[in-house]
N, C-alpha and C. Protein backbone atom coordinates (compact mmCIF):
# COMPACT_ATOMS: atom_id res chain seq x y z
N UNK A 1 10.56 -18.28 -60.72
CA UNK A 1 10.43 -18.37 -59.27
C UNK A 1 11.52 -17.53 -58.62
N UNK A 2 11.10 -16.72 -57.67
CA UNK A 2 12.05 -15.85 -56.98
C UNK A 2 12.89 -16.67 -56.01
N UNK A 3 14.18 -16.41 -56.02
CA UNK A 3 15.07 -17.04 -55.05
C UNK A 3 15.66 -15.97 -54.15
N UNK A 4 15.63 -16.26 -52.86
CA UNK A 4 16.19 -15.36 -51.86
C UNK A 4 17.22 -16.15 -51.06
N UNK A 5 18.42 -15.60 -50.92
CA UNK A 5 19.49 -16.31 -50.22
C UNK A 5 20.04 -15.41 -49.12
N UNK A 6 19.81 -15.84 -47.88
CA UNK A 6 20.29 -15.09 -46.72
C UNK A 6 21.69 -15.54 -46.33
N UNK A 7 22.41 -14.65 -45.69
CA UNK A 7 23.71 -14.97 -45.13
C UNK A 7 24.00 -14.01 -43.99
N UNK A 8 25.03 -14.32 -43.23
CA UNK A 8 25.46 -13.41 -42.18
C UNK A 8 25.12 -13.83 -40.77
N UNK A 9 24.36 -14.89 -40.63
CA UNK A 9 24.03 -15.36 -39.29
C UNK A 9 25.23 -15.98 -38.61
N UNK A 10 25.05 -16.29 -37.32
CA UNK A 10 26.14 -16.90 -36.58
C UNK A 10 25.94 -16.78 -35.09
N UNK A 11 26.99 -17.05 -34.37
CA UNK A 11 26.99 -17.00 -32.91
C UNK A 11 27.69 -15.72 -32.47
N UNK A 12 27.05 -14.97 -31.59
CA UNK A 12 27.62 -13.72 -31.11
C UNK A 12 27.27 -13.56 -29.63
N UNK A 13 28.12 -12.88 -28.91
CA UNK A 13 27.84 -12.62 -27.50
C UNK A 13 26.84 -11.47 -27.36
N UNK A 14 26.13 -11.46 -26.27
CA UNK A 14 25.21 -10.37 -25.99
C UNK A 14 25.95 -9.04 -26.04
N UNK A 15 25.30 -8.06 -26.67
CA UNK A 15 25.92 -6.76 -26.87
C UNK A 15 26.64 -6.62 -28.19
N UNK A 16 26.82 -7.72 -28.87
CA UNK A 16 27.53 -7.71 -30.14
C UNK A 16 26.64 -7.33 -31.31
N UNK A 17 27.22 -7.43 -32.50
CA UNK A 17 26.52 -7.03 -33.72
C UNK A 17 26.67 -8.09 -34.81
N UNK A 18 25.67 -8.13 -35.67
CA UNK A 18 25.72 -8.94 -36.88
C UNK A 18 25.03 -8.16 -37.99
N UNK A 19 25.43 -8.42 -39.22
CA UNK A 19 24.71 -7.88 -40.37
C UNK A 19 24.27 -9.03 -41.26
N UNK A 20 22.97 -9.14 -41.42
CA UNK A 20 22.40 -10.14 -42.32
C UNK A 20 22.22 -9.55 -43.71
N UNK A 21 22.41 -10.39 -44.70
CA UNK A 21 22.19 -9.99 -46.09
C UNK A 21 21.25 -10.98 -46.75
N UNK A 22 20.52 -10.50 -47.72
CA UNK A 22 19.61 -11.35 -48.48
C UNK A 22 19.65 -10.88 -49.93
N UNK A 23 20.10 -11.77 -50.80
CA UNK A 23 20.19 -11.45 -52.22
C UNK A 23 19.02 -12.09 -52.94
N UNK A 24 18.36 -11.31 -53.80
CA UNK A 24 17.17 -11.79 -54.50
C UNK A 24 17.41 -11.90 -55.99
N UNK A 25 16.66 -12.81 -56.61
CA UNK A 25 16.76 -12.97 -58.06
C UNK A 25 15.65 -12.21 -58.79
N UNK A 26 14.77 -11.56 -58.03
CA UNK A 26 13.61 -10.88 -58.59
C UNK A 26 13.98 -9.68 -59.45
N UNK A 27 13.53 -9.66 -60.70
CA UNK A 27 13.90 -8.57 -61.59
C UNK A 27 13.19 -7.27 -61.24
N UNK A 28 12.07 -7.37 -60.50
CA UNK A 28 11.38 -6.15 -60.08
C UNK A 28 11.75 -5.78 -58.65
N UNK A 29 12.95 -6.16 -58.25
CA UNK A 29 13.39 -5.95 -56.87
C UNK A 29 13.20 -4.52 -56.42
N UNK A 30 13.53 -3.57 -57.26
CA UNK A 30 13.55 -2.16 -56.84
C UNK A 30 12.17 -1.64 -56.43
N UNK A 31 11.10 -2.28 -56.88
CA UNK A 31 9.77 -1.82 -56.50
C UNK A 31 9.07 -2.82 -55.59
N UNK A 32 9.83 -3.77 -55.07
CA UNK A 32 9.26 -4.78 -54.19
C UNK A 32 9.39 -4.37 -52.73
N UNK A 33 8.42 -4.79 -51.95
CA UNK A 33 8.50 -4.61 -50.50
C UNK A 33 9.34 -5.74 -49.92
N UNK A 34 10.16 -5.40 -48.96
CA UNK A 34 11.09 -6.36 -48.37
C UNK A 34 10.92 -6.39 -46.87
N UNK A 35 11.02 -7.57 -46.30
CA UNK A 35 10.84 -7.73 -44.86
C UNK A 35 11.88 -8.71 -44.30
N UNK A 36 12.14 -8.53 -43.04
CA UNK A 36 12.87 -9.54 -42.26
C UNK A 36 11.92 -10.05 -41.17
N UNK A 37 11.85 -11.36 -41.08
CA UNK A 37 11.09 -12.04 -40.03
C UNK A 37 12.06 -12.87 -39.21
N UNK A 38 11.59 -13.31 -38.05
CA UNK A 38 12.38 -14.26 -37.27
C UNK A 38 11.46 -15.25 -36.57
N UNK A 39 12.01 -16.42 -36.34
CA UNK A 39 11.25 -17.46 -35.66
C UNK A 39 12.15 -18.15 -34.66
N UNK A 40 11.80 -17.99 -33.39
CA UNK A 40 12.52 -18.66 -32.32
C UNK A 40 11.95 -20.07 -32.16
N UNK A 41 12.73 -20.97 -31.56
CA UNK A 41 12.25 -22.35 -31.38
C UNK A 41 10.93 -22.40 -30.63
N UNK A 42 9.97 -23.11 -31.21
CA UNK A 42 8.69 -23.26 -30.55
C UNK A 42 7.77 -22.07 -30.61
N UNK A 43 8.16 -21.06 -31.38
CA UNK A 43 7.35 -19.84 -31.46
C UNK A 43 6.95 -19.56 -32.91
N UNK A 44 6.02 -18.64 -33.05
CA UNK A 44 5.58 -18.29 -34.40
C UNK A 44 6.60 -17.37 -35.06
N UNK A 45 6.47 -17.24 -36.37
CA UNK A 45 7.33 -16.36 -37.12
C UNK A 45 6.81 -14.93 -36.99
N UNK A 46 7.67 -14.02 -36.56
CA UNK A 46 7.28 -12.64 -36.30
C UNK A 46 8.00 -11.67 -37.22
N UNK A 47 7.30 -10.62 -37.58
CA UNK A 47 7.90 -9.56 -38.40
C UNK A 47 8.87 -8.74 -37.56
N UNK A 48 10.05 -8.53 -38.09
CA UNK A 48 11.08 -7.76 -37.39
C UNK A 48 11.19 -6.35 -37.98
N UNK A 49 11.31 -6.28 -39.31
CA UNK A 49 11.51 -4.98 -39.96
C UNK A 49 11.04 -5.05 -41.40
N UNK A 50 10.61 -3.90 -41.91
CA UNK A 50 10.15 -3.80 -43.29
C UNK A 50 10.73 -2.57 -43.95
N UNK A 51 10.90 -2.66 -45.27
CA UNK A 51 11.33 -1.49 -46.04
C UNK A 51 10.56 -1.50 -47.35
N UNK A 52 9.98 -0.35 -47.69
CA UNK A 52 9.23 -0.30 -48.94
C UNK A 52 10.11 0.21 -50.09
N UNK A 53 9.51 0.33 -51.27
CA UNK A 53 10.29 0.70 -52.44
C UNK A 53 10.84 2.12 -52.35
N UNK A 54 10.20 2.94 -51.54
CA UNK A 54 10.67 4.31 -51.37
C UNK A 54 11.69 4.48 -50.26
N UNK A 55 12.00 3.38 -49.58
CA UNK A 55 12.97 3.43 -48.50
C UNK A 55 12.38 3.63 -47.12
N UNK A 56 11.04 3.72 -47.05
CA UNK A 56 10.41 3.85 -45.75
C UNK A 56 10.53 2.57 -44.95
N UNK A 57 10.76 2.71 -43.66
CA UNK A 57 11.02 1.54 -42.81
C UNK A 57 10.08 1.50 -41.61
N UNK A 58 9.82 0.30 -41.14
CA UNK A 58 9.10 0.08 -39.89
C UNK A 58 9.78 -1.06 -39.14
N UNK A 59 9.63 -1.03 -37.81
CA UNK A 59 10.30 -2.01 -36.97
C UNK A 59 9.36 -2.51 -35.88
N UNK A 60 9.61 -3.74 -35.47
CA UNK A 60 8.95 -4.25 -34.28
C UNK A 60 9.48 -3.47 -33.08
N UNK A 61 8.61 -3.29 -32.10
CA UNK A 61 9.01 -2.53 -30.91
C UNK A 61 10.24 -3.13 -30.24
N UNK A 62 10.35 -4.44 -30.30
CA UNK A 62 11.43 -5.13 -29.59
C UNK A 62 12.81 -4.85 -30.18
N UNK A 63 12.86 -4.34 -31.42
CA UNK A 63 14.16 -4.11 -32.05
C UNK A 63 14.41 -2.64 -32.40
N UNK A 64 13.45 -1.78 -32.14
CA UNK A 64 13.62 -0.37 -32.46
C UNK A 64 14.83 0.21 -31.75
N UNK A 65 15.62 0.95 -32.53
CA UNK A 65 16.82 1.57 -31.97
C UNK A 65 18.03 0.66 -31.97
N UNK A 66 17.82 -0.63 -32.27
CA UNK A 66 18.94 -1.58 -32.28
C UNK A 66 19.18 -2.16 -33.68
N UNK A 67 18.12 -2.36 -34.43
CA UNK A 67 18.22 -2.97 -35.77
C UNK A 67 17.93 -1.91 -36.83
N UNK A 68 18.59 -2.07 -37.97
CA UNK A 68 18.36 -1.19 -39.11
C UNK A 68 18.23 -2.01 -40.38
N UNK A 69 17.12 -1.82 -41.08
CA UNK A 69 16.92 -2.48 -42.37
C UNK A 69 17.29 -1.50 -43.48
N UNK A 70 17.94 -2.00 -44.51
CA UNK A 70 18.29 -1.16 -45.65
C UNK A 70 18.29 -2.00 -46.91
N UNK A 71 18.35 -1.34 -48.05
CA UNK A 71 18.32 -2.06 -49.31
C UNK A 71 19.28 -1.42 -50.30
N UNK A 72 19.82 -2.25 -51.19
CA UNK A 72 20.66 -1.79 -52.29
C UNK A 72 20.05 -2.37 -53.55
N UNK A 73 19.31 -1.55 -54.25
CA UNK A 73 18.59 -2.05 -55.42
C UNK A 73 19.53 -2.50 -56.54
N UNK A 74 20.68 -1.86 -56.66
CA UNK A 74 21.63 -2.24 -57.70
C UNK A 74 22.16 -3.66 -57.47
N UNK A 75 22.29 -4.02 -56.20
CA UNK A 75 22.78 -5.36 -55.85
C UNK A 75 21.64 -6.33 -55.56
N UNK A 76 20.40 -5.85 -55.62
CA UNK A 76 19.23 -6.68 -55.30
C UNK A 76 19.41 -7.35 -53.94
N UNK A 77 19.80 -6.54 -52.99
CA UNK A 77 20.11 -7.05 -51.66
C UNK A 77 19.43 -6.22 -50.59
N UNK A 78 18.91 -6.90 -49.59
CA UNK A 78 18.37 -6.25 -48.41
C UNK A 78 19.21 -6.67 -47.21
N UNK A 79 19.44 -5.72 -46.32
CA UNK A 79 20.30 -5.95 -45.17
C UNK A 79 19.52 -5.77 -43.87
N UNK A 80 20.02 -6.39 -42.83
CA UNK A 80 19.52 -6.15 -41.49
C UNK A 80 20.74 -6.01 -40.58
N UNK A 81 21.04 -4.78 -40.20
CA UNK A 81 22.11 -4.52 -39.25
C UNK A 81 21.55 -4.67 -37.85
N UNK A 82 22.15 -5.55 -37.08
CA UNK A 82 21.65 -5.84 -35.74
C UNK A 82 22.73 -5.48 -34.72
N UNK A 83 22.44 -4.51 -33.89
CA UNK A 83 23.37 -4.06 -32.86
C UNK A 83 22.79 -4.35 -31.48
N UNK A 84 23.65 -4.28 -30.49
CA UNK A 84 23.21 -4.49 -29.09
C UNK A 84 22.37 -5.74 -28.96
N UNK A 85 22.85 -6.82 -29.53
CA UNK A 85 22.07 -8.05 -29.56
C UNK A 85 21.85 -8.61 -28.16
N UNK A 86 20.68 -9.23 -27.99
CA UNK A 86 20.27 -9.82 -26.72
C UNK A 86 20.01 -11.31 -26.93
N UNK A 87 20.09 -12.09 -25.87
CA UNK A 87 19.78 -13.52 -26.02
C UNK A 87 18.40 -13.77 -26.61
N UNK A 88 17.46 -12.90 -26.33
CA UNK A 88 16.11 -13.08 -26.87
C UNK A 88 16.01 -12.79 -28.36
N UNK A 89 17.09 -12.32 -28.96
CA UNK A 89 17.12 -12.15 -30.42
C UNK A 89 17.48 -13.46 -31.13
N UNK A 90 17.81 -14.48 -30.36
CA UNK A 90 18.15 -15.77 -30.94
C UNK A 90 16.96 -16.35 -31.71
N UNK A 91 17.19 -16.66 -32.98
CA UNK A 91 16.11 -17.14 -33.85
C UNK A 91 16.69 -17.47 -35.22
N UNK A 92 15.85 -18.07 -36.04
CA UNK A 92 16.15 -18.16 -37.47
C UNK A 92 15.55 -16.92 -38.13
N UNK A 93 16.35 -16.22 -38.87
CA UNK A 93 15.92 -15.00 -39.54
C UNK A 93 15.67 -15.27 -41.02
N UNK A 94 14.52 -14.80 -41.47
CA UNK A 94 14.10 -15.02 -42.86
C UNK A 94 13.86 -13.68 -43.54
N UNK A 95 14.31 -13.56 -44.77
CA UNK A 95 13.90 -12.40 -45.55
C UNK A 95 12.74 -12.80 -46.44
N UNK A 96 11.92 -11.82 -46.76
CA UNK A 96 10.82 -12.06 -47.69
C UNK A 96 10.70 -10.90 -48.65
N UNK A 97 10.20 -11.21 -49.83
CA UNK A 97 9.98 -10.22 -50.89
C UNK A 97 8.55 -10.36 -51.38
N UNK A 98 7.85 -9.24 -51.46
CA UNK A 98 6.49 -9.24 -51.98
C UNK A 98 6.48 -8.59 -53.35
N UNK A 99 6.07 -9.37 -54.34
CA UNK A 99 6.06 -8.87 -55.71
C UNK A 99 5.07 -7.73 -55.86
N UNK A 100 5.51 -6.64 -56.44
CA UNK A 100 4.69 -5.44 -56.57
C UNK A 100 3.42 -5.70 -57.38
N UNK A 101 3.52 -6.52 -58.42
CA UNK A 101 2.39 -6.70 -59.33
C UNK A 101 1.45 -7.81 -58.88
N UNK A 102 1.99 -8.92 -58.42
CA UNK A 102 1.15 -10.06 -58.06
C UNK A 102 0.78 -10.11 -56.59
N UNK A 103 1.57 -9.45 -55.75
CA UNK A 103 1.34 -9.53 -54.32
C UNK A 103 1.84 -10.82 -53.70
N UNK A 104 2.46 -11.66 -54.50
CA UNK A 104 2.94 -12.94 -53.96
C UNK A 104 4.20 -12.70 -53.11
N UNK A 105 4.28 -13.43 -52.02
CA UNK A 105 5.42 -13.32 -51.10
C UNK A 105 6.32 -14.53 -51.30
N UNK A 106 7.61 -14.25 -51.40
CA UNK A 106 8.61 -15.31 -51.47
C UNK A 106 9.50 -15.25 -50.23
N UNK A 107 10.04 -16.42 -49.86
CA UNK A 107 10.84 -16.54 -48.63
C UNK A 107 12.22 -17.09 -48.93
N UNK A 108 13.18 -16.66 -48.13
CA UNK A 108 14.49 -17.28 -48.16
C UNK A 108 14.50 -18.51 -47.29
N UNK A 109 15.65 -19.16 -47.24
CA UNK A 109 15.75 -20.42 -46.49
C UNK A 109 16.03 -20.19 -45.01
N UNK A 110 16.39 -18.96 -44.66
CA UNK A 110 16.65 -18.64 -43.26
C UNK A 110 18.12 -18.71 -42.90
N UNK A 111 18.49 -17.90 -41.93
CA UNK A 111 19.86 -17.93 -41.40
C UNK A 111 19.78 -17.87 -39.88
N UNK A 112 20.57 -18.70 -39.22
CA UNK A 112 20.49 -18.83 -37.77
C UNK A 112 21.30 -17.74 -37.08
N UNK A 113 20.68 -17.15 -36.08
CA UNK A 113 21.37 -16.19 -35.22
C UNK A 113 21.25 -16.68 -33.78
N UNK A 114 22.39 -16.83 -33.13
CA UNK A 114 22.41 -17.26 -31.74
C UNK A 114 23.18 -16.23 -30.93
N UNK A 115 22.52 -15.71 -29.89
CA UNK A 115 23.14 -14.71 -29.03
C UNK A 115 23.33 -15.33 -27.65
N UNK A 116 24.57 -15.43 -27.24
CA UNK A 116 24.88 -16.03 -25.95
C UNK A 116 24.96 -14.96 -24.86
N UNK A 117 24.58 -15.35 -23.68
CA UNK A 117 24.59 -14.39 -22.56
C UNK A 117 25.92 -14.39 -21.84
């Protein structure tokens, strides 16, 4: 069973920055698709950013130009650098990994991000 452990969340003022990290136990990490999602209170879980095995990235319109997803295959870690944070970025952030062979998606436990105005 794949384990994903997020860290890096916390309380930050608007305009500030945070970097989230997610370490995976998946042995096929280097060829897995990786995503960051977020879920605000009372709302659905939304896709924030994705990175494929080749390093290609996509972002939600709401975070383009402010967030950057990256991966370090040697460390089996995916990052989300979040700059120019806004109160509306407040949410629980989850990383996910999709196994290349099975297509199964695994989730981390989430890390809280709170942006104060």
